[in-house]
Amino acid sequence: MESIVETVLRSMSNVNKPQQTFIVALLTTLVVFQGKATFRNMSRYSQMSEKRFSRWYRRQFDFAQFNRDTLTLALPKNGRIAAIDA
């Protein structure tokens, strides 16, 4: 998972290296723990502090572009579908 995420983040021109490092660590942390995703809970399962999560969450990040690029890289071109569960 990390290699795909790192590849996509490197291809995004508006994301600098420190933000890339944070996003990789954030997504890795979200995969490993169970429960409510609060800054305190995430800091327990990672090497980052609550304050660091708080600071980085205030910054802009284009999740729509990240998701599009990740799906484009991870899925074959002829096997894509879209589903929404409201």
PDB file of N, CA and C in Angstrom:
ATOM      1  N   MET A   1       0.819  -1.188   0.000  1.00  0.00           N
ATOM      2  CA  MET A   1       0.000   0.000   0.000  1.00  0.00           C
ATOM      3  C   MET A   1       0.869   1.260   0.000  1.00  0.00           C
ATOM      4  N   GLU A   2       1.914   1.254   0.794  1.00  0.00           N
ATOM      5  CA  GLU A   2       2.738   2.455   0.908  1.00  0.00           C
ATOM      6  C   GLU A   2       3.368   2.846  -0.421  1.00  0.00           C
ATOM      7  N   SER A   3       3.758   1.871  -1.229  1.00  0.00           N
ATOM      8  CA  SER A   3       4.407   2.209  -2.497  1.00  0.00           C
ATOM      9  C   SER A   3       3.441   2.910  -3.447  1.00  0.00           C
ATOM     10  N   ILE A   4       2.191   2.466  -3.480  1.00  0.00           N
ATOM     11  CA  ILE A   4       1.194   3.113  -4.335  1.00  0.00           C
ATOM     12  C   ILE A   4       0.931   4.532  -3.841  1.00  0.00           C
ATOM     13  N   VAL A   5       0.761   4.683  -2.542  1.00  0.00           N
ATOM     14  CA  VAL A   5       0.492   6.002  -1.962  1.00  0.00           C
ATOM     15  C   VAL A   5       1.659   6.944  -2.222  1.00  0.00           C
ATOM     16  N   GLU A   6       2.874   6.470  -2.003  1.00  0.00           N
ATOM     17  CA  GLU A   6       4.045   7.320  -2.232  1.00  0.00           C
ATOM     18  C   GLU A   6       4.173   7.717  -3.697  1.00  0.00           C
ATOM     19  N   THR A   7       3.887   6.797  -4.607  1.00  0.00           N
ATOM     20  CA  THR A   7       3.949   7.098  -6.036  1.00  0.00           C
ATOM     21  C   THR A   7       2.938   8.170  -6.412  1.00  0.00           C
ATOM     22  N   VAL A   8       1.723   8.033  -5.908  1.00  0.00           N
ATOM     23  CA  VAL A   8       0.673   9.012  -6.209  1.00  0.00           C
ATOM     24  C   VAL A   8       1.024  10.368  -5.615  1.00  0.00           C
ATOM     25  N   LEU A   9       1.501  10.388  -4.385  1.00  0.00           N
ATOM     26  CA  LEU A   9       1.850  11.659  -3.752  1.00  0.00           C
ATOM     27  C   LEU A   9       2.996  12.357  -4.481  1.00  0.00           C
ATOM     28  N   ARG A  10       3.973  11.586  -4.965  1.00  0.00           N
ATOM     29  CA  ARG A  10       5.076  12.197  -5.721  1.00  0.00           C
ATOM     30  C   ARG A  10       4.580  12.813  -7.018  1.00  0.00           C
ATOM     31  N   SER A  11       3.538  12.222  -7.610  1.00  0.00           N
ATOM     32  CA  SER A  11       3.030  12.735  -8.881  1.00  0.00           C
ATOM     33  C   SER A  11       2.170  13.997  -8.697  1.00  0.00           C
ATOM     34  N   MET A  12       1.707  14.241  -7.473  1.00  0.00           N
ATOM     35  CA  MET A  12       0.889  15.424  -7.197  1.00  0.00           C
ATOM     36  C   MET A  12       1.811  16.619  -6.978  1.00  0.00           C
ATOM     37  N   SER A  13       1.749  17.584  -7.875  1.00  0.00           N
ATOM     38  CA  SER A  13       2.684  18.716  -7.844  1.00  0.00           C
ATOM     39  C   SER A  13       2.446  19.668  -6.669  1.00  0.00           C
ATOM     40  N   ASN A  14       1.247  19.697  -6.128  1.00  0.00           N
ATOM     41  CA  ASN A  14       0.933  20.647  -5.058  1.00  0.00           C
ATOM     42  C   ASN A  14       1.214  20.095  -3.658  1.00  0.00           C
ATOM     43  N   VAL A  15       1.836  18.914  -3.554  1.00  0.00           N
ATOM     44  CA  VAL A  15       2.136  18.303  -2.259  1.00  0.00           C
ATOM     45  C   VAL A  15       3.649  18.293  -2.065  1.00  0.00           C
ATOM     46  N   ASN A  16       4.106  18.948  -0.994  1.00  0.00           N
ATOM     47  CA  ASN A  16       5.545  18.981  -0.729  1.00  0.00           C
ATOM     48  C   ASN A  16       5.973  17.765   0.103  1.00  0.00           C
ATOM     49  N   LYS A  17       7.266  17.589   0.288  1.00  0.00           N
ATOM     50  CA  LYS A  17       7.820  16.404   0.942  1.00  0.00           C
ATOM     51  C   LYS A  17       7.324  16.215   2.377  1.00  0.00           C
ATOM     52  N   PRO A  18       7.304  17.253   3.214  1.00  0.00           N
ATOM     53  CA  PRO A  18       6.782  17.042   4.575  1.00  0.00           C
ATOM     54  C   PRO A  18       5.320  16.589   4.594  1.00  0.00           C
ATOM     55  N   GLN A  19       4.518  17.133   3.685  1.00  0.00           N
ATOM     56  CA  GLN A  19       3.119  16.718   3.631  1.00  0.00           C
ATOM     57  C   GLN A  19       3.002  15.289   3.119  1.00  0.00           C
ATOM     58  N   GLN A  20       3.847  14.892   2.184  1.00  0.00           N
ATOM     59  CA  GLN A  20       3.870  13.505   1.710  1.00  0.00           C
ATOM     60  C   GLN A  20       4.159  12.557   2.867  1.00  0.00           C
ATOM     61  N   THR A  21       5.164  12.900   3.663  1.00  0.00           N
ATOM     62  CA  THR A  21       5.530  12.072   4.809  1.00  0.00           C
ATOM     63  C   THR A  21       4.373  11.945   5.785  1.00  0.00           C
ATOM     64  N   PHE A  22       3.678  13.057   6.049  1.00  0.00           N
ATOM     65  CA  PHE A  22       2.547  13.017   6.975  1.00  0.00           C
ATOM     66  C   PHE A  22       1.409  12.162   6.427  1.00  0.00           C
ATOM     67  N   ILE A  23       1.051  12.331   5.172  1.00  0.00           N
ATOM     68  CA  ILE A  23      -0.072  11.583   4.595  1.00  0.00           C
ATOM     69  C   ILE A  23       0.215  10.084   4.613  1.00  0.00           C
ATOM     70  N   VAL A  24       1.435   9.681   4.286  1.00  0.00           N
ATOM     71  CA  VAL A  24       1.802   8.257   4.327  1.00  0.00           C
ATOM     72  C   VAL A  24       1.660   7.730   5.760  1.00  0.00           C
ATOM     73  N   ALA A  25       2.173   8.474   6.730  1.00  0.00           N
ATOM     74  CA  ALA A  25       2.077   8.059   8.132  1.00  0.00           C
ATOM     75  C   ALA A  25       0.623   8.026   8.603  1.00  0.00           C
ATOM     76  N   LEU A  26      -0.175   8.999   8.180  1.00  0.00           N
ATOM     77  CA  LEU A  26      -1.587   9.054   8.547  1.00  0.00           C
ATOM     78  C   LEU A  26      -2.340   7.841   8.020  1.00  0.00           C
ATOM     79  N   LEU A  27      -2.182   7.549   6.744  1.00  0.00           N
ATOM     80  CA  LEU A  27      -2.904   6.422   6.151  1.00  0.00           C
ATOM     81  C   LEU A  27      -2.450   5.099   6.745  1.00  0.00           C
ATOM     82  N   THR A  28      -1.164   4.972   7.043  1.00  0.00           N
ATOM     83  CA  THR A  28      -0.656   3.766   7.688  1.00  0.00           C
ATOM     84  C   THR A  28      -1.262   3.611   9.078  1.00  0.00           C
ATOM     85  N   THR A  29      -1.366   4.706   9.814  1.00  0.00           N
ATOM     86  CA  THR A  29      -1.952   4.675  11.156  1.00  0.00           C
ATOM     87  C   THR A  29      -3.432   4.308  11.094  1.00  0.00           C
ATOM     88  N   LEU A  30      -4.154   4.862  10.143  1.00  0.00           N
ATOM     89  CA  LEU A  30      -5.589   4.569  10.036  1.00  0.00           C
ATOM     90  C   LEU A  30      -5.854   3.103   9.703  1.00  0.00           C
ATOM     91  N   VAL A  31      -4.902   2.453   9.045  1.00  0.00           N
ATOM     92  CA  VAL A  31      -5.072   1.044   8.693  1.00  0.00           C
ATOM     93  C   VAL A  31      -4.868   0.145   9.914  1.00  0.00           C
ATOM     94  N   VAL A  32      -3.977   0.537  10.839  1.00  0.00           N
ATOM     95  CA  VAL A  32      -3.600  -0.362  11.931  1.00  0.00           C
ATOM     96  C   VAL A  32      -4.474  -0.311  13.165  1.00  0.00           C
ATOM     97  N   PHE A  33      -5.173   0.744  13.413  1.00  0.00           N
ATOM     98  CA  PHE A  33      -5.894   0.786  14.676  1.00  0.00           C
ATOM     99  C   PHE A  33      -7.402   0.684  14.481  1.00  0.00           C
ATOM    100  N   GLN A  34      -8.072   0.322  15.583  1.00  0.00           N
ATOM    101  CA  GLN A  34      -9.525   0.231  15.581  1.00  0.00           C
ATOM    102  C   GLN A  34     -10.068   1.310  16.506  1.00  0.00           C
ATOM    103  N   GLY A  35     -11.280   1.711  16.256  1.00  0.00           N
ATOM    104  CA  GLY A  35     -11.907   2.694  17.123  1.00  0.00           C
ATOM    105  C   GLY A  35     -12.082   4.030  16.436  1.00  0.00           C
ATOM    106  N   LYS A  36     -12.418   5.000  17.256  1.00  0.00           N
ATOM    107  CA  LYS A  36     -12.679   6.341  16.757  1.00  0.00           C
ATOM    108  C   LYS A  36     -11.364   7.030  16.383  1.00  0.00           C
ATOM    109  N   ALA A  37     -11.355   7.687  15.239  1.00  0.00           N
ATOM    110  CA  ALA A  37     -10.137   8.325  14.719  1.00  0.00           C
ATOM    111  C   ALA A  37      -9.995   9.740  15.271  1.00  0.00           C
ATOM    112  N   THR A  38      -9.636   9.833  16.543  1.00  0.00           N
ATOM    113  CA  THR A  38      -9.346  11.136  17.139  1.00  0.00           C
ATOM    114  C   THR A  38      -7.832  11.343  17.106  1.00  0.00           C
ATOM    115  N   PHE A  39      -7.419  12.573  17.285  1.00  0.00           N
ATOM    116  CA  PHE A  39      -5.982  12.857  17.285  1.00  0.00           C
ATOM    117  C   PHE A  39      -5.282  12.078  18.399  1.00  0.00           C
ATOM    118  N   ARG A  40      -5.907  11.988  19.552  1.00  0.00           N
ATOM    119  CA  ARG A  40      -5.309  11.256  20.676  1.00  0.00           C
ATOM    120  C   ARG A  40      -5.170   9.775  20.350  1.00  0.00           C
ATOM    121  N   ASN A  41      -6.216   9.166  19.819  1.00  0.00           N
ATOM    122  CA  ASN A  41      -6.136   7.737  19.473  1.00  0.00           C
ATOM    123  C   ASN A  41      -5.099   7.483  18.393  1.00  0.00           C
ATOM    124  N   MET A  42      -5.044   8.354  17.394  1.00  0.00           N
ATOM    125  CA  MET A  42      -4.060   8.152  16.326  1.00  0.00           C
ATOM    126  C   MET A  42      -2.640   8.338  16.843  1.00  0.00           C
ATOM    127  N   SER A  43      -2.448   9.243  17.808  1.00  0.00           N
ATOM    128  CA  SER A  43      -1.103   9.442  18.356  1.00  0.00           C
ATOM    129  C   SER A  43      -0.653   8.227  19.160  1.00  0.00           C
ATOM    130  N   ARG A  44      -1.577   7.470  19.708  1.00  0.00           N
ATOM    131  CA  ARG A  44      -1.221   6.253  20.449  1.00  0.00           C
ATOM    132  C   ARG A  44      -0.664   5.167  19.541  1.00  0.00           C
ATOM    133  N   TYR A  45      -1.131   5.129  18.294  1.00  0.00           N
ATOM    134  CA  TYR A  45      -0.731   4.082  17.365  1.00  0.00           C
ATOM    135  C   TYR A  45       0.302   4.549  16.339  1.00  0.00           C
ATOM    136  N   SER A  46       0.856   5.712  16.536  1.00  0.00           N
ATOM    137  CA  SER A  46       1.875   6.222  15.614  1.00  0.00           C
ATOM    138  C   SER A  46       2.950   6.935  16.419  1.00  0.00           C
ATOM    139  N   GLN A  47       3.940   7.441  15.740  1.00  0.00           N
ATOM    140  CA  GLN A  47       5.007   8.159  16.414  1.00  0.00           C
ATOM    141  C   GLN A  47       4.772   9.668  16.376  1.00  0.00           C
ATOM    142  N   MET A  48       3.585  10.071  15.971  1.00  0.00           N
ATOM    143  CA  MET A  48       3.265  11.494  15.874  1.00  0.00           C
ATOM    144  C   MET A  48       2.422  11.921  17.077  1.00  0.00           C
ATOM    145  N   SER A  49       2.576  13.174  17.457  1.00  0.00           N
ATOM    146  CA  SER A  49       1.827  13.710  18.596  1.00  0.00           C
ATOM    147  C   SER A  49       0.450  14.221  18.147  1.00  0.00           C
ATOM    148  N   GLU A  50      -0.415  14.439  19.140  1.00  0.00           N
ATOM    149  CA  GLU A  50      -1.729  15.024  18.853  1.00  0.00           C
ATOM    150  C   GLU A  50      -1.577  16.389  18.184  1.00  0.00           C
ATOM    151  N   LYS A  51      -0.612  17.151  18.659  1.00  0.00           N
ATOM    152  CA  LYS A  51      -0.372  18.492  18.130  1.00  0.00           C
ATOM    153  C   LYS A  51      -0.001  18.440  16.647  1.00  0.00           C
ATOM    154  N   ARG A  52       0.818  17.456  16.283  1.00  0.00           N
ATOM    155  CA  ARG A  52       1.223  17.324  14.882  1.00  0.00           C
ATOM    156  C   ARG A  52       0.023  16.985  14.007  1.00  0.00           C
ATOM    157  N   PHE A  53      -0.817  16.068  14.464  1.00  0.00           N
ATOM    158  CA  PHE A  53      -2.039  15.753  13.709  1.00  0.00           C
ATOM    159  C   PHE A  53      -2.892  17.005  13.550  1.00  0.00           C
ATOM    160  N   SER A  54      -3.056  17.739  14.620  1.00  0.00           N
ATOM    161  CA  SER A  54      -3.873  18.948  14.594  1.00  0.00           C
ATOM    162  C   SER A  54      -3.340  19.970  13.587  1.00  0.00           C
ATOM    163  N   ARG A  55      -2.041  20.171  13.588  1.00  0.00           N
ATOM    164  CA  ARG A  55      -1.446  21.144  12.663  1.00  0.00           C
ATOM    165  C   ARG A  55      -1.617  20.724  11.210  1.00  0.00           C
ATOM    166  N   TRP A  56      -1.356  19.456  10.926  1.00  0.00           N
ATOM    167  CA  TRP A  56      -1.444  19.004   9.533  1.00  0.00           C
ATOM    168  C   TRP A  56      -2.887  18.925   9.049  1.00  0.00           C
ATOM    169  N   TYR A  57      -3.834  18.680   9.932  1.00  0.00           N
ATOM    170  CA  TYR A  57      -5.236  18.626   9.520  1.00  0.00           C
ATOM    171  C   TYR A  57      -5.762  19.997   9.119  1.00  0.00           C
ATOM    172  N   ARG A  58      -5.133  21.063   9.573  1.00  0.00           N
ATOM    173  CA  ARG A  58      -5.554  22.415   9.196  1.00  0.00           C
ATOM    174  C   ARG A  58      -5.148  22.774   7.768  1.00  0.00           C
ATOM    175  N   ARG A  59      -4.208  22.054   7.191  1.00  0.00           N
ATOM    176  CA  ARG A  59      -3.713  22.363   5.843  1.00  0.00           C
ATOM    177  C   ARG A  59      -4.596  21.732   4.773  1.00  0.00           C
ATOM    178  N   GLN A  60      -4.580  22.353   3.615  1.00  0.00           N
ATOM    179  CA  GLN A  60      -5.350  21.863   2.471  1.00  0.00           C
ATOM    180  C   GLN A  60      -4.701  20.613   1.885  1.00  0.00           C
ATOM    181  N   PHE A  61      -5.529  19.674   1.463  1.00  0.00           N
ATOM    182  CA  PHE A  61      -5.050  18.501   0.734  1.00  0.00           C
ATOM    183  C   PHE A  61      -6.151  18.084  -0.220  1.00  0.00           C
ATOM    184  N   ASP A  62      -5.805  17.838  -1.465  1.00  0.00           N
ATOM    185  CA  ASP A  62      -6.783  17.492  -2.496  1.00  0.00           C
ATOM    186  C   ASP A  62      -7.036  15.978  -2.487  1.00  0.00           C
ATOM    187  N   PHE A  63      -7.956  15.539  -1.616  1.00  0.00           N
ATOM    188  CA  PHE A  63      -8.251  14.114  -1.495  1.00  0.00           C
ATOM    189  C   PHE A  63      -8.933  13.565  -2.750  1.00  0.00           C
ATOM    190  N   ALA A  64      -9.699  14.396  -3.439  1.00  0.00           N
ATOM    191  CA  ALA A  64     -10.363  13.937  -4.664  1.00  0.00           C
ATOM    192  C   ALA A  64      -9.325  13.552  -5.720  1.00  0.00           C
ATOM    193  N   GLN A  65      -8.336  14.401  -5.922  1.00  0.00           N
ATOM    194  CA  GLN A  65      -7.276  14.078  -6.879  1.00  0.00           C
ATOM    195  C   GLN A  65      -6.480  12.875  -6.408  1.00  0.00           C
ATOM    196  N   PHE A  66      -6.194  12.796  -5.117  1.00  0.00           N
ATOM    197  CA  PHE A  66      -5.455  11.665  -4.561  1.00  0.00           C
ATOM    198  C   PHE A  66      -6.198  10.350  -4.819  1.00  0.00           C
ATOM    199  N   ASN A  67      -7.517  10.342  -4.548  1.00  0.00           N
ATOM    200  CA  ASN A  67      -8.318   9.135  -4.772  1.00  0.00           C
ATOM    201  C   ASN A  67      -8.366   8.757  -6.249  1.00  0.00           C
ATOM    202  N   ARG A  68      -8.558   9.749  -7.130  1.00  0.00           N
ATOM    203  CA  ARG A  68      -8.584   9.483  -8.574  1.00  0.00           C
ATOM    204  C   ARG A  68      -7.269   8.866  -9.042  1.00  0.00           C
ATOM    205  N   ASP A  69      -6.166   9.492  -8.643  1.00  0.00           N
ATOM    206  CA  ASP A  69      -4.856   9.006  -9.073  1.00  0.00           C
ATOM    207  C   ASP A  69      -4.542   7.623  -8.510  1.00  0.00           C
ATOM    208  N   THR A  70      -4.962   7.368  -7.275  1.00  0.00           N
ATOM    209  CA  THR A  70      -4.732   6.058  -6.661  1.00  0.00           C
ATOM    210  C   THR A  70      -5.515   4.978  -7.391  1.00  0.00           C
ATOM    211  N   LEU A  71      -6.778   5.252  -7.692  1.00  0.00           N
ATOM    212  CA  LEU A  71      -7.588   4.269  -8.420  1.00  0.00           C
ATOM    213  C   LEU A  71      -7.062   4.044  -9.826  1.00  0.00           C
ATOM    214  N   THR A  72      -6.616   5.091 -10.479  1.00  0.00           N
ATOM    215  CA  THR A  72      -6.058   4.966 -11.820  1.00  0.00           C
ATOM    216  C   THR A  72      -4.820   4.083 -11.811  1.00  0.00           C
ATOM    217  N   LEU A  73      -3.990   4.244 -10.805  1.00  0.00           N
ATOM    218  CA  LEU A  73      -2.756   3.462 -10.704  1.00  0.00           C
ATOM    219  C   LEU A  73      -3.013   2.022 -10.259  1.00  0.00           C
ATOM    220  N   ALA A  74      -3.961   1.827  -9.351  1.00  0.00           N
ATOM    221  CA  ALA A  74      -4.165   0.511  -8.735  1.00  0.00           C
ATOM    222  C   ALA A  74      -5.068  -0.428  -9.532  1.00  0.00           C
ATOM    223  N   LEU A  75      -6.016   0.116 -10.277  1.00  0.00           N
ATOM    224  CA  LEU A  75      -6.984  -0.731 -10.975  1.00  0.00           C
ATOM    225  C   LEU A  75      -6.710  -0.776 -12.475  1.00  0.00           C
ATOM    226  N   PRO A  76      -6.983  -1.919 -13.095  1.00  0.00           N
ATOM    227  CA  PRO A  76      -6.833  -1.981 -14.553  1.00  0.00           C
ATOM    228  C   PRO A  76      -7.861  -1.076 -15.239  1.00  0.00           C
ATOM    229  N   LYS A  77      -7.504  -0.578 -16.405  1.00  0.00           N
ATOM    230  CA  LYS A  77      -8.368   0.385 -17.096  1.00  0.00           C
ATOM    231  C   LYS A  77      -9.719  -0.193 -17.506  1.00  0.00           C
ATOM    232  N   ASN A  78      -9.786  -1.458 -17.811  1.00  0.00           N
ATOM    233  CA  ASN A  78     -11.058  -2.035 -18.263  1.00  0.00           C
ATOM    234  C   ASN A  78     -11.873  -2.636 -17.127  1.00  0.00           C
ATOM    235  N   GLY A  79     -11.415  -2.541 -15.885  1.00  0.00           N
ATOM    236  CA  GLY A  79     -12.140  -3.147 -14.778  1.00  0.00           C
ATOM    237  C   GLY A  79     -12.640  -2.176 -13.747  1.00  0.00           C
ATOM    238  N   ARG A  80     -12.889  -0.944 -14.109  1.00  0.00           N
ATOM    239  CA  ARG A  80     -13.327   0.045 -13.150  1.00  0.00           C
ATOM    240  C   ARG A  80     -14.840   0.181 -13.104  1.00  0.00           C
ATOM    241  N   ILE A  81     -15.353   0.335 -11.900  1.00  0.00           N
ATOM    242  CA  ILE A  81     -16.767   0.641 -11.709  1.00  0.00           C
ATOM    243  C   ILE A  81     -16.863   1.684 -10.605  1.00  0.00           C
ATOM    244  N   ALA A  82     -17.978   2.317 -10.497  1.00  0.00           N
ATOM    245  CA  ALA A  82     -18.203   3.302  -9.442  1.00  0.00           C
ATOM    246  C   ALA A  82     -19.459   2.931  -8.684  1.00  0.00           C
ATOM    247  N   ALA A  83     -19.411   3.078  -7.354  1.00  0.00           N
ATOM    248  CA  ALA A  83     -20.575   2.800  -6.523  1.00  0.00           C
ATOM    249  C   ALA A  83     -20.603   3.805  -5.390  1.00  0.00           C
ATOM    250  N   ILE A  84     -21.809   4.253  -5.034  1.00  0.00           N
ATOM    251  CA  ILE A  84     -21.983   5.184  -3.936  1.00  0.00           C
ATOM    252  C   ILE A  84     -23.043   4.620  -3.000  1.00  0.00           C
ATOM    253  N   ASP A  85     -22.712   4.573  -1.724  1.00  0.00           N
ATOM    254  CA  ASP A  85     -23.664   4.112  -0.724  1.00  0.00           C
ATOM    255  C   ASP A  85     -24.006   5.285   0.170  1.00  0.00           C
ATOM    256  N   ALA A  86     -25.170   5.854  -0.040  1.00  0.00           N
ATOM    257  CA  ALA A  86     -25.581   7.003   0.756  1.00  0.00           C
ATOM    258  C   ALA A  86     -26.137   6.525   2.061  1.00  0.00           C
TER     259      ALA A  86
END
